């Protein structure tokens, strides 16, 4: 069964870069037609798709976050990463990694990231 696990610091200071890693088991991130996404949910708000990396290494980002977001991968470790720069308290959210675009979808359990000084 496919499992995704987010990891990284739970507290980030304003103006710094938020970095998270998603470790995938049960599937290869280079599997044909697979897309590996980051989604977040601020407190009291809905889910927000941030971006994704595809099976050939191509990336796409939400227009509202594109200038601050970078998604990359390490295929040898079967991991993909999120970097969100210049964070503010508005970036406080539960961050999820997910496989979206194939059936079935798989989501990690989410990790809380708080931006605070």
PDB file of N, CA and C in Angstrom:
ATOM      1  N   UNK A   1       0.848  -1.184   0.000  1.00  0.00           N
ATOM      2  CA  UNK A   1       0.000   0.000   0.000  1.00  0.00           C
ATOM      3  C   UNK A   1       0.888   1.240   0.000  1.00  0.00           C
ATOM      4  N   UNK A   2       0.466   2.247  -0.717  1.00  0.00           N
ATOM      5  CA  UNK A   2       1.231   3.473  -0.812  1.00  0.00           C
ATOM      6  C   UNK A   2       1.058   4.283   0.463  1.00  0.00           C
ATOM      7  N   UNK A   3       2.174   4.755   0.992  1.00  0.00           N
ATOM      8  CA  UNK A   3       2.152   5.611   2.163  1.00  0.00           C
ATOM      9  C   UNK A   3       3.047   6.808   1.924  1.00  0.00           C
ATOM     10  N   UNK A   4       2.602   7.962   2.421  1.00  0.00           N
ATOM     11  CA  UNK A   4       3.356   9.192   2.336  1.00  0.00           C
ATOM     12  C   UNK A   4       3.513   9.750   3.743  1.00  0.00           C
ATOM     13  N   UNK A   5       4.705  10.254   4.038  1.00  0.00           N
ATOM     14  CA  UNK A   5       4.999  10.758   5.363  1.00  0.00           C
ATOM     15  C   UNK A   5       5.721  12.094   5.255  1.00  0.00           C
ATOM     16  N   UNK A   6       5.124  13.131   5.822  1.00  0.00           N
ATOM     17  CA  UNK A   6       5.751  14.450   5.863  1.00  0.00           C
ATOM     18  C   UNK A   6       6.718  14.528   7.038  1.00  0.00           C
ATOM     19  N   UNK A   7       7.785  15.273   6.855  1.00  0.00           N
ATOM     20  CA  UNK A   7       8.712  15.510   7.946  1.00  0.00           C
ATOM     21  C   UNK A   7       9.363  16.872   7.766  1.00  0.00           C
ATOM     22  N   UNK A   8       9.765  17.452   8.884  1.00  0.00           N
ATOM     23  CA  UNK A   8      10.420  18.742   8.881  1.00  0.00           C
ATOM     24  C   UNK A   8      10.093  19.513  10.134  1.00  0.00           C
ATOM     25  N   UNK A   9      10.691  20.667  10.292  1.00  0.00           N
ATOM     26  CA  UNK A   9      10.466  21.458  11.504  1.00  0.00           C
ATOM     27  C   UNK A   9       9.016  21.896  11.637  1.00  0.00           C
ATOM     28  N   UNK A  10       8.527  21.885  12.857  1.00  0.00           N
ATOM     29  CA  UNK A  10       7.177  22.347  13.118  1.00  0.00           C
ATOM     30  C   UNK A  10       7.077  23.830  13.409  1.00  0.00           C
ATOM     31  N   UNK A  11       8.205  24.485  13.576  1.00  0.00           N
ATOM     32  CA  UNK A  11       8.235  25.907  13.885  1.00  0.00           C
ATOM     33  C   UNK A  11       9.264  26.581  12.996  1.00  0.00           C
ATOM     34  N   UNK A  12       8.853  27.635  12.321  1.00  0.00           N
ATOM     35  CA  UNK A  12       9.721  28.400  11.435  1.00  0.00           C
ATOM     36  C   UNK A  12       9.572  29.879  11.772  1.00  0.00           C
ATOM     37  N   UNK A  13      10.669  30.590  11.741  1.00  0.00           N
ATOM     38  CA  UNK A  13      10.634  32.013  12.046  1.00  0.00           C
ATOM     39  C   UNK A  13      10.228  32.827  10.821  1.00  0.00           C
ATOM     40  N   UNK A  14       9.520  33.934  11.036  1.00  0.00           N
ATOM     41  CA  UNK A  14       9.176  34.803   9.901  1.00  0.00           C
ATOM     42  C   UNK A  14      10.404  35.211   9.114  1.00  0.00           C
ATOM     43  N   UNK A  15      10.220  35.296   7.815  1.00  0.00           N
ATOM     44  CA  UNK A  15      11.230  35.640   6.815  1.00  0.00           C
ATOM     45  C   UNK A  15      12.136  34.472   6.442  1.00  0.00           C
ATOM     46  N   UNK A  16      12.066  33.379   7.179  1.00  0.00           N
ATOM     47  CA  UNK A  16      12.900  32.227   6.876  1.00  0.00           C
ATOM     48  C   UNK A  16      12.231  31.332   5.837  1.00  0.00           C
ATOM     49  N   UNK A  17      12.893  30.245   5.492  1.00  0.00           N
ATOM     50  CA  UNK A  17      12.380  29.298   4.515  1.00  0.00           C
ATOM     51  C   UNK A  17      11.847  28.058   5.214  1.00  0.00           C
ATOM     52  N   UNK A  18      10.623  27.710   4.883  1.00  0.00           N
ATOM     53  CA  UNK A  18       9.995  26.487   5.364  1.00  0.00           C
ATOM     54  C   UNK A  18      10.420  25.344   4.463  1.00  0.00           C
ATOM     55  N   UNK A  19      10.934  24.283   5.043  1.00  0.00           N
ATOM     56  CA  UNK A  19      11.375  23.125   4.275  1.00  0.00           C
ATOM     57  C   UNK A  19      10.748  21.860   4.837  1.00  0.00           C
ATOM     58  N   UNK A  20      10.091  21.112   3.972  1.00  0.00           N
ATOM     59  CA  UNK A  20       9.464  19.851   4.350  1.00  0.00           C
ATOM     60  C   UNK A  20       9.849  18.774   3.350  1.00  0.00           C
ATOM     61  N   UNK A  21       9.889  17.554   3.829  1.00  0.00           N
ATOM     62  CA  UNK A  21      10.198  16.406   2.994  1.00  0.00           C
ATOM     63  C   UNK A  21       9.050  15.411   3.069  1.00  0.00           C
ATOM     64  N   UNK A  22       8.706  14.833   1.939  1.00  0.00           N
ATOM     65  CA  UNK A  22       7.717  13.770   1.875  1.00  0.00           C
ATOM     66  C   UNK A  22       8.423  12.488   1.457  1.00  0.00           C
ATOM     67  N   UNK A  23       8.339  11.488   2.299  1.00  0.00           N
ATOM     68  CA  UNK A  23       8.916  10.186   2.007  1.00  0.00           C
ATOM     69  C   UNK A  23       7.811   9.254   1.536  1.00  0.00           C
ATOM     70  N   UNK A  24       8.004   8.656   0.378  1.00  0.00           N
ATOM     71  CA  UNK A  24       6.992   7.802  -0.248  1.00  0.00           C
ATOM     72  C   UNK A  24       7.438   6.359  -0.162  1.00  0.00           C
ATOM     73  N   UNK A  25       6.538   5.496   0.242  1.00  0.00           N
ATOM     74  CA  UNK A  25       6.781   4.062   0.231  1.00  0.00           C
ATOM     75  C   UNK A  25       5.649   3.369  -0.511  1.00  0.00           C
ATOM     76  N   UNK A  26       5.942   2.232  -1.098  1.00  0.00           N
ATOM     77  CA  UNK A  26       4.940   1.466  -1.815  1.00  0.00           C
ATOM     78  C   UNK A  26       4.744   1.863  -3.262  1.00  0.00           C
ATOM     79  N   UNK A  27       5.424   2.884  -3.719  1.00  0.00           N
ATOM     80  CA  UNK A  27       5.336   3.357  -5.094  1.00  0.00           C
ATOM     81  C   UNK A  27       6.577   4.181  -5.372  1.00  0.00           C
ATOM     82  N   UNK A  28       6.950   4.247  -6.619  1.00  0.00           N
ATOM     83  CA  UNK A  28       8.074   5.077  -7.027  1.00  0.00           C
ATOM     84  C   UNK A  28       7.570   6.431  -7.486  1.00  0.00           C
ATOM     85  N   UNK A  29       8.255   7.490  -7.086  1.00  0.00           N
ATOM     86  CA  UNK A  29       7.837   8.817  -7.522  1.00  0.00           C
ATOM     87  C   UNK A  29       8.101   9.045  -9.000  1.00  0.00           C
ATOM     88  N   UNK A  30       8.810   8.137  -9.647  1.00  0.00           N
ATOM     89  CA  UNK A  30       9.011   8.226 -11.088  1.00  0.00           C
ATOM     90  C   UNK A  30       8.058   7.330 -11.874  1.00  0.00           C
ATOM     91  N   UNK A  31       7.101   6.719 -11.203  1.00  0.00           N
ATOM     92  CA  UNK A  31       6.093   5.924 -11.900  1.00  0.00           C
ATOM     93  C   UNK A  31       5.402   6.760 -12.967  1.00  0.00           C
ATOM     94  N   UNK A  32       5.217   6.167 -14.158  1.00  0.00           N
ATOM     95  CA  UNK A  32       4.575   6.889 -15.263  1.00  0.00           C
ATOM     96  C   UNK A  32       3.253   7.501 -14.836  1.00  0.00           C
ATOM     97  N   UNK A  33       3.075   8.763 -15.166  1.00  0.00           N
ATOM     98  CA  UNK A  33       1.842   9.510 -14.949  1.00  0.00           C
ATOM     99  C   UNK A  33       1.546   9.779 -13.480  1.00  0.00           C
ATOM    100  N   UNK A  34       2.552   9.732 -12.628  1.00  0.00           N
ATOM    101  CA  UNK A  34       2.362  10.071 -11.231  1.00  0.00           C
ATOM    102  C   UNK A  34       2.713  11.536 -10.992  1.00  0.00           C
ATOM    103  N   UNK A  35       1.972  12.146 -10.079  1.00  0.00           N
ATOM    104  CA  UNK A  35       2.165  13.549  -9.736  1.00  0.00           C
ATOM    105  C   UNK A  35       2.136  13.686  -8.227  1.00  0.00           C
ATOM    106  N   UNK A  36       3.101  14.400  -7.700  1.00  0.00           N
ATOM    107  CA  UNK A  36       3.341  14.431  -6.256  1.00  0.00           C
ATOM    108  C   UNK A  36       3.204  15.866  -5.771  1.00  0.00           C
ATOM    109  N   UNK A  37       2.180  16.098  -4.972  1.00  0.00           N
ATOM    110  CA  UNK A  37       1.730  17.447  -4.652  1.00  0.00           C
ATOM    111  C   UNK A  37       1.963  17.809  -3.191  1.00  0.00           C
ATOM    112  N   UNK A  38       2.021  19.109  -2.970  1.00  0.00           N
ATOM    113  CA  UNK A  38       1.941  19.686  -1.635  1.00  0.00           C
ATOM    114  C   UNK A  38       0.663  20.504  -1.538  1.00  0.00           C
ATOM    115  N   UNK A  39      -0.066  20.283  -0.447  1.00  0.00           N
ATOM    116  CA  UNK A  39      -1.314  20.978  -0.169  1.00  0.00           C
ATOM    117  C   UNK A  39      -1.251  21.437   1.274  1.00  0.00           C
ATOM    118  N   UNK A  40      -1.837  22.572   1.575  1.00  0.00           N
ATOM    119  CA  UNK A  40      -1.850  23.036   2.953  1.00  0.00           C
ATOM    120  C   UNK A  40      -3.245  23.501   3.349  1.00  0.00           C
ATOM    121  N   UNK A  41      -3.463  23.562   4.656  1.00  0.00           N
ATOM    122  CA  UNK A  41      -4.733  24.011   5.195  1.00  0.00           C
ATOM    123  C   UNK A  41      -4.466  24.914   6.389  1.00  0.00           C
ATOM    124  N   UNK A  42      -4.584  26.229   6.199  1.00  0.00           N
ATOM    125  CA  UNK A  42      -4.449  27.134   7.342  1.00  0.00           C
ATOM    126  C   UNK A  42      -5.597  26.928   8.319  1.00  0.00           C
ATOM    127  N   UNK A  43      -5.403  27.310   9.578  1.00  0.00           N
ATOM    128  CA  UNK A  43      -6.478  27.131  10.549  1.00  0.00           C
ATOM    129  C   UNK A  43      -7.732  27.883  10.130  1.00  0.00           C
ATOM    130  N   UNK A  44      -8.866  27.189  10.169  1.00  0.00           N
ATOM    131  CA  UNK A  44     -10.137  27.789   9.823  1.00  0.00           C
ATOM    132  C   UNK A  44     -10.364  28.016   8.347  1.00  0.00           C
ATOM    133  N   UNK A  45      -9.469  27.545   7.494  1.00  0.00           N
ATOM    134  CA  UNK A  45      -9.603  27.742   6.060  1.00  0.00           C
ATOM    135  C   UNK A  45      -9.587  26.404   5.329  1.00  0.00           C
ATOM    136  N   UNK A  46      -9.821  26.455   4.049  1.00  0.00           N
ATOM    137  CA  UNK A  46      -9.874  25.259   3.240  1.00  0.00           C
ATOM    138  C   UNK A  46      -8.516  24.809   2.749  1.00  0.00           C
ATOM    139  N   UNK A  47      -8.539  23.715   2.023  1.00  0.00           N
ATOM    140  CA  UNK A  47      -7.310  23.183   1.446  1.00  0.00           C
ATOM    141  C   UNK A  47      -6.815  24.074   0.318  1.00  0.00           C
ATOM    142  N   UNK A  48      -5.518  24.257   0.251  1.00  0.00           N
ATOM    143  CA  UNK A  48      -4.888  25.059  -0.789  1.00  0.00           C
ATOM    144  C   UNK A  48      -3.797  24.235  -1.455  1.00  0.00           C
ATOM    145  N   UNK A  49      -3.982  23.956  -2.739  1.00  0.00           N
ATOM    146  CA  UNK A  49      -2.945  23.271  -3.504  1.00  0.00           C
ATOM    147  C   UNK A  49      -1.788  24.220  -3.747  1.00  0.00           C
ATOM    148  N   UNK A  50      -0.589  23.773  -3.462  1.00  0.00           N
ATOM    149  CA  UNK A  50       0.587  24.620  -3.578  1.00  0.00           C
ATOM    150  C   UNK A  50       1.375  24.367  -4.862  1.00  0.00           C
ATOM    151  N   UNK A  51       1.497  23.110  -5.209  1.00  0.00           N
ATOM    152  CA  UNK A  51       2.258  22.770  -6.391  1.00  0.00           C
ATOM    153  C   UNK A  51       2.529  21.286  -6.437  1.00  0.00           C
ATOM    154  N   UNK A  52       3.203  20.854  -7.502  1.00  0.00           N
ATOM    155  CA  UNK A  52       3.502  19.442  -7.640  1.00  0.00           C
ATOM    156  C   UNK A  52       4.732  19.239  -8.500  1.00  0.00           C
ATOM    157  N   UNK A  53       5.302  18.055  -8.369  1.00  0.00           N
ATOM    158  CA  UNK A  53       6.342  17.596  -9.264  1.00  0.00           C
ATOM    159  C   UNK A  53       5.846  16.319  -9.914  1.00  0.00           C
ATOM    160  N   UNK A  54       6.066  16.199 -11.197  1.00  0.00           N
ATOM    161  CA  UNK A  54       5.605  15.057 -11.950  1.00  0.00           C
ATOM    162  C   UNK A  54       6.686  14.029 -12.183  1.00  0.00           C
ATOM    163  N   UNK A  55       6.280  12.927 -12.783  1.00  0.00           N
ATOM    164  CA  UNK A  55       7.138  11.758 -12.888  1.00  0.00           C
ATOM    165  C   UNK A  55       8.387  11.986 -13.721  1.00  0.00           C
ATOM    166  N   UNK A  56       8.379  13.009 -14.566  1.00  0.00           N
ATOM    167  CA  UNK A  56       9.559  13.346 -15.341  1.00  0.00           C
ATOM    168  C   UNK A  56      10.366  14.482 -14.727  1.00  0.00           C
ATOM    169  N   UNK A  57       9.969  14.923 -13.545  1.00  0.00           N
ATOM    170  CA  UNK A  57      10.674  15.985 -12.861  1.00  0.00           C
ATOM    171  C   UNK A  57      10.143  17.374 -13.135  1.00  0.00           C
ATOM    172  N   UNK A  58       9.110  17.499 -13.946  1.00  0.00           N
ATOM    173  CA  UNK A  58       8.532  18.804 -14.225  1.00  0.00           C
ATOM    174  C   UNK A  58       7.764  19.304 -13.006  1.00  0.00           C
ATOM    175  N   UNK A  59       7.719  20.590 -12.831  1.00  0.00           N
ATOM    176  CA  UNK A  59       7.031  21.197 -11.700  1.00  0.00           C
ATOM    177  C   UNK A  59       5.960  22.161 -12.166  1.00  0.00           C
ATOM    178  N   UNK A  60       4.975  22.372 -11.292  1.00  0.00           N
ATOM    179  CA  UNK A  60       3.937  23.366 -11.500  1.00  0.00           C
ATOM    180  C   UNK A  60       3.532  23.896 -10.139  1.00  0.00           C
ATOM    181  N   UNK A  61       3.152  25.166 -10.102  1.00  0.00           N
ATOM    182  CA  UNK A  61       2.877  25.821  -8.836  1.00  0.00           C
ATOM    183  C   UNK A  61       1.598  26.633  -8.903  1.00  0.00           C
ATOM    184  N   UNK A  62       0.976  26.808  -7.739  1.00  0.00           N
ATOM    185  CA  UNK A  62      -0.127  27.737  -7.636  1.00  0.00           C
ATOM    186  C   UNK A  62       0.362  29.138  -7.977  1.00  0.00           C
ATOM    187  N   UNK A  63      -0.383  29.873  -8.813  1.00  0.00           N
ATOM    188  CA  UNK A  63       0.072  31.223  -9.149  1.00  0.00           C
ATOM    189  C   UNK A  63       0.303  32.113  -7.929  1.00  0.00           C
ATOM    190  N   UNK A  64      -0.493  31.944  -6.895  1.00  0.00           N
ATOM    191  CA  UNK A  64      -0.370  32.797  -5.724  1.00  0.00           C
ATOM    192  C   UNK A  64       0.873  32.501  -4.903  1.00  0.00           C
ATOM    193  N   UNK A  65       1.470  31.351  -5.106  1.00  0.00           N
ATOM    194  CA  UNK A  65       2.632  30.942  -4.325  1.00  0.00           C
ATOM    195  C   UNK A  65       3.875  30.710  -5.164  1.00  0.00           C
ATOM    196  N   UNK A  66       3.748  30.819  -6.464  1.00  0.00           N
ATOM    197  CA  UNK A  66       4.835  30.448  -7.361  1.00  0.00           C
ATOM    198  C   UNK A  66       6.137  31.164  -7.052  1.00  0.00           C
ATOM    199  N   UNK A  67       6.049  32.436  -6.712  1.00  0.00           N
ATOM    200  CA  UNK A  67       7.258  33.216  -6.496  1.00  0.00           C
ATOM    201  C   UNK A  67       8.033  32.777  -5.268  1.00  0.00           C
ATOM    202  N   UNK A  68       7.381  32.061  -4.354  1.00  0.00           N
ATOM    203  CA  UNK A  68       8.028  31.677  -3.106  1.00  0.00           C
ATOM    204  C   UNK A  68       8.216  30.172  -2.954  1.00  0.00           C
ATOM    205  N   UNK A  69       7.743  29.394  -3.904  1.00  0.00           N
ATOM    206  CA  UNK A  69       7.670  27.946  -3.741  1.00  0.00           C
ATOM    207  C   UNK A  69       8.633  27.224  -4.664  1.00  0.00           C
ATOM    208  N   UNK A  70       9.268  26.210  -4.131  1.00  0.00           N
ATOM    209  CA  UNK A  70      10.113  25.330  -4.930  1.00  0.00           C
ATOM    210  C   UNK A  70       9.882  23.890  -4.489  1.00  0.00           C
ATOM    211  N   UNK A  71       9.568  23.044  -5.434  1.00  0.00           N
ATOM    212  CA  UNK A  71       9.399  21.619  -5.181  1.00  0.00           C
ATOM    213  C   UNK A  71      10.477  20.874  -5.948  1.00  0.00           C
ATOM    214  N   UNK A  72      11.141  19.976  -5.273  1.00  0.00           N
ATOM    215  CA  UNK A  72      12.192  19.185  -5.894  1.00  0.00           C
ATOM    216  C   UNK A  72      12.084  17.749  -5.404  1.00  0.00           C
ATOM    217  N   UNK A  73      12.973  16.888  -5.905  1.00  0.00           N
ATOM    218  CA  UNK A  73      12.915  15.506  -5.479  1.00  0.00           C
ATOM    219  C   UNK A  73      14.290  14.869  -5.422  1.00  0.00           C
ATOM    220  N   UNK A  74      14.334  13.755  -4.721  1.00  0.00           N
ATOM    221  CA  UNK A  74      15.499  12.893  -4.661  1.00  0.00           C
ATOM    222  C   UNK A  74      14.986  11.499  -4.995  1.00  0.00           C
ATOM    223  N   UNK A  75      15.140  11.105  -6.239  1.00  0.00           N
ATOM    224  CA  UNK A  75      14.561   9.836  -6.670  1.00  0.00           C
ATOM    225  C   UNK A  75      15.240   8.640  -6.011  1.00  0.00           C
ATOM    226  N   UNK A  76      16.515   8.779  -5.666  1.00  0.00           N
ATOM    227  CA  UNK A  76      17.215   7.687  -5.003  1.00  0.00           C
ATOM    228  C   UNK A  76      16.620   7.393  -3.637  1.00  0.00           C
ATOM    229  N   UNK A  77      16.124   8.429  -2.968  1.00  0.00           N
ATOM    230  CA  UNK A  77      15.501   8.267  -1.663  1.00  0.00           C
ATOM    231  C   UNK A  77      13.984   8.153  -1.745  1.00  0.00           C
ATOM    232  N   UNK A  78      13.431   8.278  -2.947  1.00  0.00           N
ATOM    233  CA  UNK A  78      11.992   8.267  -3.147  1.00  0.00           C
ATOM    234  C   UNK A  78      11.316   9.341  -2.286  1.00  0.00           C
ATOM    235  N   UNK A  79      11.880  10.533  -2.335  1.00  0.00           N
ATOM    236  CA  UNK A  79      11.387  11.655  -1.562  1.00  0.00           C
ATOM    237  C   UNK A  79      11.188  12.861  -2.460  1.00  0.00           C
ATOM    238  N   UNK A  80      10.229  13.691  -2.103  1.00  0.00           N
ATOM    239  CA  UNK A  80      10.131  15.009  -2.709  1.00  0.00           C
ATOM    240  C   UNK A  80       9.968  16.049  -1.615  1.00  0.00           C
ATOM    241  N   UNK A  81      10.390  17.272  -1.934  1.00  0.00           N
ATOM    242  CA  UNK A  81      10.532  18.290  -0.908  1.00  0.00           C
ATOM    243  C   UNK A  81       9.788  19.564  -1.286  1.00  0.00           C
ATOM    244  N   UNK A  82       9.461  20.318  -0.265  1.00  0.00           N
ATOM    245  CA  UNK A  82       8.841  21.628  -0.411  1.00  0.00           C
ATOM    246  C   UNK A  82       9.720  22.667   0.259  1.00  0.00           C
ATOM    247  N   UNK A  83       9.968  23.752  -0.436  1.00  0.00           N
ATOM    248  CA  UNK A  83      10.596  24.917   0.157  1.00  0.00           C
ATOM    249  C   UNK A  83       9.710  26.127  -0.106  1.00  0.00           C
ATOM    250  N   UNK A  84       9.344  26.804   0.955  1.00  0.00           N
ATOM    251  CA  UNK A  84       8.528  27.999   0.875  1.00  0.00           C
ATOM    252  C   UNK A  84       9.305  29.113   1.547  1.00  0.00           C
ATOM    253  N   UNK A  85       9.710  30.084   0.777  1.00  0.00           N
ATOM    254  CA  UNK A  85      10.582  31.136   1.274  1.00  0.00           C
ATOM    255  C   UNK A  85       9.790  32.307   1.830  1.00  0.00           C
ATOM    256  N   UNK A  86      10.500  33.162   2.566  1.00  0.00           N
ATOM    257  CA  UNK A  86       9.943  34.418   3.076  1.00  0.00           C
ATOM    258  C   UNK A  86       8.617  34.220   3.788  1.00  0.00           C
ATOM    259  N   UNK A  87       8.581  33.276   4.694  1.00  0.00           N
ATOM    260  CA  UNK A  87       7.317  32.932   5.327  1.00  0.00           C
ATOM    261  C   UNK A  87       6.872  34.016   6.302  1.00  0.00           C
ATOM    262  N   UNK A  88       5.564  34.088   6.474  1.00  0.00           N
ATOM    263  CA  UNK A  88       4.918  34.963   7.432  1.00  0.00           C
ATOM    264  C   UNK A  88       3.960  34.131   8.269  1.00  0.00           C
ATOM    265  N   UNK A  89       3.391  34.709   9.330  1.00  0.00           N
ATOM    266  CA  UNK A  89       2.399  33.950  10.094  1.00  0.00           C
ATOM    267  C   UNK A  89       1.222  33.455   9.260  1.00  0.00           C
ATOM    268  N   UNK A  90       0.948  34.091   8.125  1.00  0.00           N
ATOM    269  CA  UNK A  90      -0.118  33.631   7.232  1.00  0.00           C
ATOM    270  C   UNK A  90       0.178  32.262   6.635  1.00  0.00           C
ATOM    271  N   UNK A  91       1.421  31.824   6.697  1.00  0.00           N
ATOM    272  CA  UNK A  91       1.802  30.517   6.184  1.00  0.00           C
ATOM    273  C   UNK A  91       1.626  29.405   7.213  1.00  0.00           C
ATOM    274  N   UNK A  92       1.214  29.747   8.417  1.00  0.00           N
ATOM    275  CA  UNK A  92       0.917  28.725   9.415  1.00  0.00           C
ATOM    276  C   UNK A  92      -0.213  27.835   8.911  1.00  0.00           C
ATOM    277  N   UNK A  93       0.009  26.533   8.908  1.00  0.00           N
ATOM    278  CA  UNK A  93      -0.967  25.609   8.345  1.00  0.00           C
ATOM    279  C   UNK A  93      -0.547  24.185   8.649  1.00  0.00           C
ATOM    280  N   UNK A  94      -1.472  23.269   8.395  1.00  0.00           N
ATOM    281  CA  UNK A  94      -1.129  21.866   8.288  1.00  0.00           C
ATOM    282  C   UNK A  94      -0.732  21.612   6.842  1.00  0.00           C
ATOM    283  N   UNK A  95       0.419  21.042   6.648  1.00  0.00           N
ATOM    284  CA  UNK A  95       0.948  20.783   5.314  1.00  0.00           C
ATOM    285  C   UNK A  95       0.862  19.292   5.006  1.00  0.00           C
ATOM    286  N   UNK A  96       0.324  18.989   3.841  1.00  0.00           N
ATOM    287  CA  UNK A  96       0.156  17.618   3.390  1.00  0.00           C
ATOM    288  C   UNK A  96       0.947  17.375   2.116  1.00  0.00           C
ATOM    289  N   UNK A  97       1.510  16.200   1.991  1.00  0.00           N
ATOM    290  CA  UNK A  97       1.948  15.743   0.687  1.00  0.00           C
ATOM    291  C   UNK A  97       0.973  14.680   0.203  1.00  0.00           C
ATOM    292  N   UNK A  98       0.843  14.562  -1.105  1.00  0.00           N
ATOM    293  CA  UNK A  98      -0.171  13.690  -1.665  1.00  0.00           C
ATOM    294  C   UNK A  98       0.197  13.261  -3.070  1.00  0.00           C
ATOM    295  N   UNK A  99      -0.286  12.088  -3.435  1.00  0.00           N
ATOM    296  CA  UNK A  99      -0.259  11.614  -4.805  1.00  0.00           C
ATOM    297  C   UNK A  99      -1.627  11.875  -5.403  1.00  0.00           C
ATOM    298  N   UNK A 100      -1.684  12.772  -6.362  1.00  0.00           N
ATOM    299  CA  UNK A 100      -2.946  13.186  -6.967  1.00  0.00           C
ATOM    300  C   UNK A 100      -2.793  13.148  -8.483  1.00  0.00           C
ATOM    301  N   UNK A 101      -3.799  12.592  -9.134  1.00  0.00           N
ATOM    302  CA  UNK A 101      -3.788  12.496 -10.585  1.00  0.00           C
ATOM    303  C   UNK A 101      -3.969  11.087 -11.097  1.00  0.00           C
ATOM    304  N   UNK A 102      -3.789  10.130 -10.237  1.00  0.00           N
ATOM    305  CA  UNK A 102      -4.067   8.737 -10.532  1.00  0.00           C
ATOM    306  C   UNK A 102      -5.083   8.220  -9.522  1.00  0.00           C
ATOM    307  N   UNK A 103      -5.725   7.125  -9.875  1.00  0.00           N
ATOM    308  CA  UNK A 103      -6.619   6.463  -8.949  1.00  0.00           C
ATOM    309  C   UNK A 103      -5.937   5.245  -8.363  1.00  0.00           C
ATOM    310  N   UNK A 104      -5.994   5.105  -7.041  1.00  0.00           N
ATOM    311  CA  UNK A 104      -6.550   6.043  -6.062  1.00  0.00           C
ATOM    312  C   UNK A 104      -5.549   7.112  -5.652  1.00  0.00           C
ATOM    313  N   UNK A 105      -6.048   8.187  -5.074  1.00  0.00           N
ATOM    314  CA  UNK A 105      -5.174   9.191  -4.486  1.00  0.00           C
ATOM    315  C   UNK A 105      -4.683   8.730  -3.119  1.00  0.00           C
ATOM    316  N   UNK A 106      -3.513   9.205  -2.751  1.00  0.00           N
ATOM    317  CA  UNK A 106      -2.956   8.929  -1.441  1.00  0.00           C
ATOM    318  C   UNK A 106      -2.484  10.228  -0.823  1.00  0.00           C
ATOM    319  N   UNK A 107      -2.759  10.378   0.466  1.00  0.00           N
ATOM    320  CA  UNK A 107      -2.369  11.552   1.229  1.00  0.00           C
ATOM    321  C   UNK A 107      -1.553  11.147   2.442  1.00  0.00           C
ATOM    322  N   UNK A 108      -0.601  11.975   2.809  1.00  0.00           N
ATOM    323  CA  UNK A 108       0.033  11.842   4.102  1.00  0.00           C
ATOM    324  C   UNK A 108      -0.898  12.306   5.202  1.00  0.00           C
ATOM    325  N   UNK A 109      -0.470  12.107   6.434  1.00  0.00           N
ATOM    326  CA  UNK A 109      -1.324  12.477   7.563  1.00  0.00           C
ATOM    327  C   UNK A 109      -1.288  13.971   7.861  1.00  0.00           C
ATOM    328  N   UNK A 110      -0.355  14.681   7.287  1.00  0.00           N
ATOM    329  CA  UNK A 110      -0.211  16.107   7.501  1.00  0.00           C
ATOM    330  C   UNK A 110       0.737  16.416   8.647  1.00  0.00           C
ATOM    331  N   UNK A 111       1.361  17.561   8.561  1.00  0.00           N
ATOM    332  CA  UNK A 111       2.233  18.024   9.626  1.00  0.00           C
ATOM    333  C   UNK A 111       1.970  19.505   9.883  1.00  0.00           C
ATOM    334  N   UNK A 112       1.847  19.853  11.144  1.00  0.00           N
ATOM    335  CA  UNK A 112       1.601  21.240  11.529  1.00  0.00           C
ATOM    336  C   UNK A 112       2.887  22.036  11.427  1.00  0.00           C
ATOM    337  N   UNK A 113       2.817  23.165  10.751  1.00  0.00           N
ATOM    338  CA  UNK A 113       3.932  24.108  10.701  1.00  0.00           C
ATOM    339  C   UNK A 113       3.423  25.461  11.183  1.00  0.00           C
ATOM    340  N   UNK A 114       4.081  25.987  12.180  1.00  0.00           N
ATOM    341  CA  UNK A 114       3.731  27.287  12.732  1.00  0.00           C
ATOM    342  C   UNK A 114       4.837  28.277  12.421  1.00  0.00           C
ATOM    343  N   UNK A 115       4.455  29.429  11.903  1.00  0.00           N
ATOM    344  CA  UNK A 115       5.402  30.502  11.637  1.00  0.00           C
ATOM    345  C   UNK A 115       5.256  31.523  12.752  1.00  0.00           C
ATOM    346  N   UNK A 116       6.278  31.648  13.552  1.00  0.00           N
ATOM    347  CA  UNK A 116       6.225  32.535  14.710  1.00  0.00           C
ATOM    348  C   UNK A 116       7.629  32.867  15.154  1.00  0.00           C
ATOM    349  N   UNK A 117       7.787  34.067  15.660  1.00  0.00           N
ATOM    350  CA  UNK A 117       9.064  34.467  16.226  1.00  0.00           C
ATOM    351  C   UNK A 117       9.181  34.110  17.694  1.00  0.00           C
TER     352      UNK A 117
END
